[in-house]
C-alpha atoms as a PDB file:
ATOM      1  CA  MET A   1      22.496  -0.724 -27.913  1.00  0.00           C
ATOM      2  CA  ALA A   2      21.468  -0.604 -24.358  1.00  0.00           C
ATOM      3  CA  GLN A   3      20.868   3.156 -24.533  1.00  0.00           C
ATOM      4  CA  LEU A   4      18.705   2.787 -27.507  1.00  0.00           C
ATOM      5  CA  ALA A   5      16.810   0.251 -25.694  1.00  0.00           C
ATOM      6  CA  GLU A   6      16.239   2.843 -22.591  1.00  0.00           C
ATOM      7  CA  GLU A   7      15.292   5.381 -25.186  1.00  0.00           C
ATOM      8  CA  THR A   8      12.483   3.062 -26.850  1.00  0.00           C
ATOM      9  CA  ARG A   9      11.215   2.123 -23.478  1.00  0.00           C
ATOM     10  CA  PRO A  10       7.393   2.944 -23.385  1.00  0.00           C
ATOM     11  CA  VAL A  11       6.883   6.093 -21.181  1.00  0.00           C
ATOM     12  CA  LEU A  12       4.066   5.430 -18.791  1.00  0.00           C
ATOM     13  CA  ALA A  13       1.716   7.723 -17.216  1.00  0.00           C
ATOM     14  CA  VAL A  14       2.754   6.681 -13.885  1.00  0.00           C
ATOM     15  CA  ALA A  15       5.411   4.174 -12.576  1.00  0.00           C
ATOM     16  CA  ASP A  16       4.236   0.493 -13.155  1.00  0.00           C
ATOM     17  CA  PRO A  17       2.012  -0.285 -10.309  1.00  0.00           C
ATOM     18  CA  ALA A  18       1.766  -4.083 -10.920  1.00  0.00           C
ATOM     19  CA  PRO A  19       4.876  -4.963  -8.758  1.00  0.00           C
ATOM     20  CA  LEU A  20       3.329  -3.036  -5.713  1.00  0.00           C
ATOM     21  CA  GLY A  21      -0.044  -4.883  -6.381  1.00  0.00           C
ATOM     22  CA  LEU A  22       1.576  -8.322  -6.690  1.00  0.00           C
ATOM     23  CA  ALA A  23       3.719  -7.684  -3.839  1.00  0.00           C
ATOM     24  CA  ALA A  24       0.826  -6.738  -1.445  1.00  0.00           C
ATOM     25  CA  PHE A  25      -1.274  -9.556  -2.550  1.00  0.00           C
ATOM     26  CA  ALA A  26       1.648 -12.046  -2.020  1.00  0.00           C
ATOM     27  CA  LEU A  27       2.633 -10.930   1.297  1.00  0.00           C
ATOM     28  CA  THR A  28      -0.959 -10.970   2.579  1.00  0.00           C
ATOM     29  CA  THR A  29      -1.827 -14.180   0.923  1.00  0.00           C
ATOM     30  CA  PHE A  30       1.261 -15.788   2.424  1.00  0.00           C
ATOM     31  CA  VAL A  31       0.410 -14.674   6.045  1.00  0.00           C
ATOM     32  CA  LEU A  32      -3.358 -15.768   5.682  1.00  0.00           C
ATOM     33  CA  SER A  33      -2.289 -19.128   4.180  1.00  0.00           C
ATOM     34  CA  ALA A  34       0.354 -19.726   6.972  1.00  0.00           C
ATOM     35  CA  HIS A  35      -2.417 -19.537   9.337  1.00  0.00           C
ATOM     36  CA  ASN A  36      -4.878 -21.797   7.171  1.00  0.00           C
ATOM     37  CA  ALA A  37      -1.798 -24.252   7.139  1.00  0.00           C
ATOM     38  CA  GLY A  38      -1.585 -24.204  11.059  1.00  0.00           C
ATOM     39  CA  TRP A  39       1.695 -22.184  11.269  1.00  0.00           C
ATOM     40  CA  ALA A  40       0.688 -18.843  12.207  1.00  0.00           C
ATOM     41  CA  PRO A  41      -1.496 -17.206  14.605  1.00  0.00           C
ATOM     42  CA  GLU A  42      -5.269 -16.513  13.771  1.00  0.00           C
ATOM     43  CA  LEU A  43      -5.575 -12.824  13.437  1.00  0.00           C
ATOM     44  CA  ILE A  44      -2.088 -11.912  12.270  1.00  0.00           C
ATOM     45  CA  PHE A  45      -3.434 -11.271   8.752  1.00  0.00           C
ATOM     46  CA  VAL A  46      -6.161  -8.716   9.429  1.00  0.00           C
ATOM     47  CA  GLY A  47      -3.798  -5.530   9.594  1.00  0.00           C
ATOM     48  CA  LEU A  48      -2.456  -6.507   6.614  1.00  0.00           C
ATOM     49  CA  ALA A  49      -5.663  -7.164   4.864  1.00  0.00           C
ATOM     50  CA  PHE A  50      -6.762  -3.910   5.526  1.00  0.00           C
ATOM     51  CA  PHE A  51      -3.724  -1.887   4.667  1.00  0.00           C
ATOM     52  CA  TYR A  52      -1.373  -3.886   2.605  1.00  0.00           C
ATOM     53  CA  GLY A  53      -3.346  -6.517   0.697  1.00  0.00           C
ATOM     54  CA  GLY A  54      -6.288  -4.529   0.684  1.00  0.00           C
ATOM     55  CA  LEU A  55      -5.443  -0.578   0.436  1.00  0.00           C
ATOM     56  CA  ALA A  56      -2.079  -0.645  -1.230  1.00  0.00           C
ATOM     57  CA  GLN A  57      -3.379  -3.338  -3.657  1.00  0.00           C
ATOM     58  CA  PHE A  58      -6.579  -1.353  -4.490  1.00  0.00           C
ATOM     59  CA  ALA A  59      -4.322   2.015  -5.001  1.00  0.00           C
ATOM     60  CA  ALA A  60      -2.321   0.003  -7.576  1.00  0.00           C
ATOM     61  CA  GLY A  61      -5.548  -1.033  -9.371  1.00  0.00           C
ATOM     62  CA  MET A  62      -6.468   2.776  -9.480  1.00  0.00           C
ATOM     63  CA  TRP A  63      -2.962   3.342 -10.907  1.00  0.00           C
ATOM     64  CA  GLU A  64      -3.630   0.721 -13.744  1.00  0.00           C
ATOM     65  CA  PHE A  65      -6.471   2.595 -14.649  1.00  0.00           C
ATOM     66  CA  LYS A  66      -4.285   5.554 -15.401  1.00  0.00           C
ATOM     67  CA  ASN A  67      -2.068   3.286 -17.398  1.00  0.00           C
ATOM     68  CA  ARG A  68      -4.990   2.017 -19.265  1.00  0.00           C
ATOM     69  CA  ASN A  69      -4.528  -1.425 -18.265  1.00  0.00           C
ATOM     70  CA  THR A  70      -7.946  -2.927 -17.877  1.00  0.00           C
ATOM     71  CA  PHE A  71      -6.826  -6.331 -16.888  1.00  0.00           C
ATOM     72  CA  GLY A  72      -4.500  -5.016 -14.141  1.00  0.00           C
ATOM     73  CA  ALA A  73      -7.044  -2.526 -12.918  1.00  0.00           C
ATOM     74  CA  THR A  74      -9.572  -5.218 -12.533  1.00  0.00           C
ATOM     75  CA  ALA A  75      -7.288  -7.719 -10.917  1.00  0.00           C
ATOM     76  CA  PHE A  76      -5.946  -5.430  -8.340  1.00  0.00           C
ATOM     77  CA  SER A  77      -8.834  -3.449  -7.508  1.00  0.00           C
ATOM     78  CA  THR A  78     -11.001  -6.714  -6.902  1.00  0.00           C
ATOM     79  CA  TYR A  79      -8.401  -8.365  -5.034  1.00  0.00           C
ATOM     80  CA  GLY A  80      -7.725  -5.177  -2.940  1.00  0.00           C
ATOM     81  CA  ALA A  81     -11.312  -5.100  -2.062  1.00  0.00           C
ATOM     82  CA  PHE A  82     -11.432  -8.821  -1.272  1.00  0.00           C
ATOM     83  CA  TRP A  83      -8.737  -8.505   1.242  1.00  0.00           C
ATOM     84  CA  MET A  84     -10.527  -5.385   2.918  1.00  0.00           C
ATOM     85  CA  SER A  85     -13.969  -7.195   2.717  1.00  0.00           C
ATOM     86  CA  LEU A  86     -12.481 -10.096   4.526  1.00  0.00           C
ATOM     87  CA  ALA A  87     -10.850  -8.009   7.137  1.00  0.00           C
ATOM     88  CA  PHE A  88     -14.219  -6.329   7.825  1.00  0.00           C
ATOM     89  CA  PHE A  89     -15.901  -9.710   7.976  1.00  0.00           C
ATOM     90  CA  VAL A  90     -13.260 -10.549  10.598  1.00  0.00           C
ATOM     91  CA  VAL A  91     -14.162  -7.490  12.442  1.00  0.00           C
ATOM     92  CA  LEU A  92     -17.936  -8.334  12.539  1.00  0.00           C
ATOM     93  CA  ILE A  93     -17.157 -11.891  13.835  1.00  0.00           C
ATOM     94  CA  LEU A  94     -15.127 -10.369  16.663  1.00  0.00           C
ATOM     95  CA  THR A  95     -17.847  -7.950  17.674  1.00  0.00           C
ATOM     96  CA  GLY A  96     -20.288 -10.673  17.915  1.00  0.00           C
ATOM     97  CA  LYS A  97     -22.390  -9.691  14.659  1.00  0.00           C
ATOM     98  CA  VAL A  98     -21.940 -13.031  13.108  1.00  0.00           C
ATOM     99  CA  ALA A  99     -23.370 -16.460  14.612  1.00  0.00           C
ATOM    100  CA  ALA A 100     -20.808 -18.919  15.296  1.00  0.00           C
ATOM    101  CA  ALA A 101     -22.535 -21.408  13.255  1.00  0.00           C
ATOM    102  CA  ASP A 102     -22.466 -19.168  10.214  1.00  0.00           C
ATOM    103  CA  VAL A 103     -18.856 -18.279  10.100  1.00  0.00           C
ATOM    104  CA  THR A 104     -17.520 -21.120   8.392  1.00  0.00           C
ATOM    105  CA  PRO A 105     -20.388 -21.494   5.708  1.00  0.00           C
ATOM    106  CA  SER A 106     -20.086 -17.701   5.109  1.00  0.00           C
ATOM    107  CA  LEU A 107     -16.310 -17.977   4.385  1.00  0.00           C
ATOM    108  CA  GLY A 108     -17.171 -20.843   1.875  1.00  0.00           C
ATOM    109  CA  TRP A 109     -19.605 -18.612  -0.084  1.00  0.00           C
ATOM    110  CA  PHE A 110     -17.282 -15.849  -0.116  1.00  0.00           C
ATOM    111  CA  VAL A 111     -14.169 -17.651  -1.493  1.00  0.00           C
ATOM    112  CA  LEU A 112     -16.593 -19.502  -4.014  1.00  0.00           C
ATOM    113  CA  ALA A 113     -17.700 -15.953  -5.455  1.00  0.00           C
ATOM    114  CA  PHE A 114     -14.028 -14.867  -5.831  1.00  0.00           C
ATOM    115  CA  ALA A 115     -13.302 -18.377  -7.370  1.00  0.00           C
ATOM    116  CA  ILE A 116     -15.790 -17.600 -10.096  1.00  0.00           C
ATOM    117  CA  PHE A 117     -14.182 -14.196 -10.791  1.00  0.00           C
ATOM    118  CA  ASN A 118     -10.754 -15.720 -10.705  1.00  0.00           C
ATOM    119  CA  THR A 119     -11.690 -18.414 -13.202  1.00  0.00           C
ATOM    120  CA  TYR A 120     -12.227 -15.961 -16.078  1.00  0.00           C
ATOM    121  CA  MET A 121      -9.484 -13.772 -15.001  1.00  0.00           C
ATOM    122  CA  MET A 122      -7.213 -16.843 -15.064  1.00  0.00           C
ATOM    123  CA  VAL A 123      -8.293 -17.390 -18.733  1.00  0.00           C
ATOM    124  CA  TRP A 124      -7.488 -13.927 -19.768  1.00  0.00           C
ATOM    125  CA  ALA A 125      -4.355 -13.986 -17.947  1.00  0.00           C
ATOM    126  CA  ALA A 126      -3.053 -16.463 -20.503  1.00  0.00           C
ATOM    127  CA  ARG A 127      -2.721 -13.590 -22.654  1.00  0.00           C
ATOM    128  CA  VAL A 128      -0.609 -11.586 -20.524  1.00  0.00           C
ATOM    129  CA  ASN A 129       2.281 -14.029 -19.814  1.00  0.00           C
ATOM    130  CA  TRP A 130       3.325 -17.155 -17.984  1.00  0.00           C
ATOM    131  CA  ALA A 131       4.024 -15.618 -14.751  1.00  0.00           C
ATOM    132  CA  VAL A 132       0.864 -13.912 -14.320  1.00  0.00           C
ATOM    133  CA  PHE A 133      -1.167 -16.867 -15.563  1.00  0.00           C
ATOM    134  CA  ALA A 134       0.671 -19.143 -12.970  1.00  0.00           C
ATOM    135  CA  VAL A 135      -0.448 -16.463 -10.164  1.00  0.00           C
ATOM    136  CA  PHE A 136      -4.085 -16.916 -11.289  1.00  0.00           C
ATOM    137  CA  LEU A 137      -3.796 -20.622 -11.619  1.00  0.00           C
ATOM    138  CA  THR A 138      -2.290 -21.528  -8.196  1.00  0.00           C
ATOM    139  CA  LEU A 139      -4.902 -19.112  -6.683  1.00  0.00           C
ATOM    140  CA  GLU A 140      -7.606 -20.926  -8.449  1.00  0.00           C
ATOM    141  CA  ILE A 141      -6.529 -23.927  -7.006  1.00  0.00           C
ATOM    142  CA  THR A 142      -6.224 -22.356  -3.641  1.00  0.00           C
ATOM    143  CA  GLU A 143      -9.730 -20.926  -3.750  1.00  0.00           C
ATOM    144  CA  ILE A 144     -11.240 -24.200  -4.738  1.00  0.00           C
ATOM    145  CA  LEU A 145      -9.595 -26.121  -1.931  1.00  0.00           C
ATOM    146  CA  LEU A 146     -10.881 -23.389   0.505  1.00  0.00           C
ATOM    147  CA  PHE A 147     -14.397 -23.092  -0.775  1.00  0.00           C
ATOM    148  CA  LEU A 148     -14.904 -26.836  -0.607  1.00  0.00           C
ATOM    149  CA  GLY A 149     -13.324 -27.058   2.915  1.00  0.00           C
ATOM    150  CA  TYR A 150     -15.215 -24.493   4.354  1.00  0.00           C
ATOM    151  CA  LEU A 151     -18.742 -25.448   2.824  1.00  0.00           C
ATOM    152  CA  SER A 152     -18.210 -29.239   3.557  1.00  0.00           C
ATOM    153  CA  GLY A 153     -16.560 -28.475   6.971  1.00  0.00           C
ATOM    154  CA  THR A 154     -13.366 -30.615   6.026  1.00  0.00           C
ATOM    155  CA  LYS A 155     -10.443 -29.137   7.880  1.00  0.00           C
ATOM    156  CA  ALA A 156      -7.841 -30.973   5.893  1.00  0.00           C
ATOM    157  CA  LEU A 157      -9.081 -29.348   2.746  1.00  0.00           C
ATOM    158  CA  VAL A 158      -8.450 -25.735   4.373  1.00  0.00           C
ATOM    159  CA  THR A 159      -5.053 -26.998   5.592  1.00  0.00           C
ATOM    160  CA  PHE A 160      -4.314 -27.906   1.820  1.00  0.00           C
ATOM    161  CA  GLY A 161      -5.590 -24.753   0.663  1.00  0.00           C
ATOM    162  CA  GLY A 162      -3.196 -22.983   3.038  1.00  0.00           C
ATOM    163  CA  TYR A 163      -0.258 -24.747   1.558  1.00  0.00           C
ATOM    164  CA  MET A 164      -1.510 -24.121  -1.844  1.00  0.00           C
ATOM    165  CA  GLY A 165      -1.796 -20.429  -0.842  1.00  0.00           C
ATOM    166  CA  ILE A 166       1.778 -20.312   0.187  1.00  0.00           C
ATOM    167  CA  ILE A 167       2.710 -21.529  -3.138  1.00  0.00           C
ATOM    168  CA  THR A 168       0.630 -18.867  -4.767  1.00  0.00           C
ATOM    169  CA  ALA A 169       2.199 -16.198  -2.541  1.00  0.00           C
ATOM    170  CA  LEU A 170       5.671 -17.366  -3.773  1.00  0.00           C
ATOM    171  CA  VAL A 171       4.682 -17.081  -7.479  1.00  0.00           C
ATOM    172  CA  ALA A 172       3.418 -13.782  -6.959  1.00  0.00           C
ATOM    173  CA  TRP A 173       6.453 -12.629  -5.149  1.00  0.00           C
ATOM    174  CA  TYR A 174       8.566 -13.713  -7.968  1.00  0.00           C
ATOM    175  CA  THR A 175       6.256 -12.067 -10.568  1.00  0.00           C
ATOM    176  CA  SER A 176       6.478  -8.654  -8.394  1.00  0.00           C
ATOM    177  CA  ALA A 177      10.252  -9.048  -8.330  1.00  0.00           C
ATOM    178  CA  ALA A 178      10.428  -9.432 -11.931  1.00  0.00           C
ATOM    179  CA  GLY A 179       8.451  -6.410 -12.505  1.00  0.00           C
ATOM    180  CA  VAL A 180      10.730  -4.393 -10.233  1.00  0.00           C
ATOM    181  CA  VAL A 181      14.151  -5.313 -11.436  1.00  0.00           C
ATOM    182  CA  ASN A 182      12.806  -5.591 -15.162  1.00  0.00           C
ATOM    183  CA  SER A 183      11.915  -1.773 -14.915  1.00  0.00           C
ATOM    184  CA  MET A 184      15.439  -0.796 -13.845  1.00  0.00           C
ATOM    185  CA  VAL A 185      17.290  -2.402 -16.761  1.00  0.00           C
ATOM    186  CA  ALA A 186      17.300  -2.458 -20.403  1.00  0.00           C
ATOM    187  CA  THR A 187      16.304  -5.840 -21.043  1.00  0.00           C
ATOM    188  CA  ALA A 188      14.498  -8.291 -18.998  1.00  0.00           C
ATOM    189  CA  PHE A 189      16.560  -9.788 -15.973  1.00  0.00           C
ATOM    190  CA  LEU A 190      14.003 -12.114 -14.733  1.00  0.00           C
ATOM    191  CA  PRO A 191      11.711 -13.913 -17.279  1.00  0.00           C
ATOM    192  CA  VAL A 192       7.996 -13.680 -17.199  1.00  0.00           C
ATOM    193  CA  GLY A 193       7.277 -15.675 -20.371  1.00  0.00           C
ATOM    194  CA  ARG A 194       5.047 -14.563 -23.416  1.00  0.00           C
ATOM    195  CA  PRO A 195       1.241 -14.982 -23.717  1.00  0.00           C
ATOM    196  CA  LEU A 196      -0.126 -18.674 -23.869  1.00  0.00           C
ATOM    197  CA  TRP A 197      -2.543 -17.848 -26.473  1.00  0.00           C
ATOM    198  CA  GLY A 198      -3.119 -14.906 -28.839  1.00  0.00           C
ATOM    199  CA  ALA A 199      -1.261 -11.881 -29.602  1.00  0.00           C
ATOM    200  CA  LEU A 200      -1.432  -8.770 -27.582  1.00  0.00           C
ATOM    201  CA  PRO A 201      -2.437  -5.613 -29.904  1.00  0.00           C
ATOM    202  CA  THR A 202       0.472  -3.213 -30.662  1.00  0.00           C
ATOM    203  CA  PRO A 203      -0.990  -0.408 -28.435  1.00  0.00           C
ATOM    204  CA  ALA A 204      -1.061  -3.043 -25.324  1.00  0.00           C
ATOM    205  CA  ARG A 205       2.485  -3.917 -25.754  1.00  0.00           C
ATOM    206  CA  ALA A 206       3.633  -0.369 -26.129  1.00  0.00           C
ATOM    207  CA  GLU A 207       1.643   1.176 -23.195  1.00  0.00           C
ATOM    208  CA  LEU A 208       0.358  -1.557 -20.902  1.00  0.00           C
ATOM    209  CA  PRO A 209       3.289  -2.508 -18.634  1.00  0.00           C
ATOM    210  CA  GLN A 210       1.734  -5.668 -17.059  1.00  0.00           C
ATOM    211  CA  ALA A 211       0.500  -6.798 -20.505  1.00  0.00           C
ATOM    212  CA  ARG A 212       3.703  -6.183 -22.327  1.00  0.00           C
ATOM    213  CA  THR A 213       5.463  -9.054 -23.777  1.00  0.00           C
ATOM    214  CA  GLU A 214       9.256  -9.266 -22.641  1.00  0.00           C
ATOM    215  CA  PRO A 215      12.174 -10.441 -24.984  1.00  0.00           C
END
């Protein structure tokens, strides 16, 4: 039976890039959130934002296009670009290109814009599975806390946003780990759940690894 399950597993154009994209997002989010929570040094996340959360996650998004996974391609490409944009903004700050008074409100508008994007992606994530939806839900709360904190100048909200970001990272790490181990076995080892609403079209279940329901 296990051999039959392996034989009927969908053949992907490339290996499933979703675990990489989720891991890159999780680790970079964890480090930045640890800084926002007051635990980690200020600039520790910048290199990660360029190369892991940024470049690696953006590449995962490009590979999701190859797998015809519109949701994964849009999510990973956007948040890969998010991290690279944030790192570049930090470089502008460090080189004196941004006035000190503009830094905090600029971050507020930056996070607010991505919170708007994240809102509709969170709704569509409910059609993927519980694990992916949980990533977007916790990220939504994180981004709301951060943009409210930055725009109002309330440090406590930014700190709470850091705590929530750490939770987001842990959820994303779990989802990444599930994607890795579930690709190595005939049946799902770590559960990710089913869609919260709607039914995925048959081609999506057969071909799109991130959008495929698990038993």
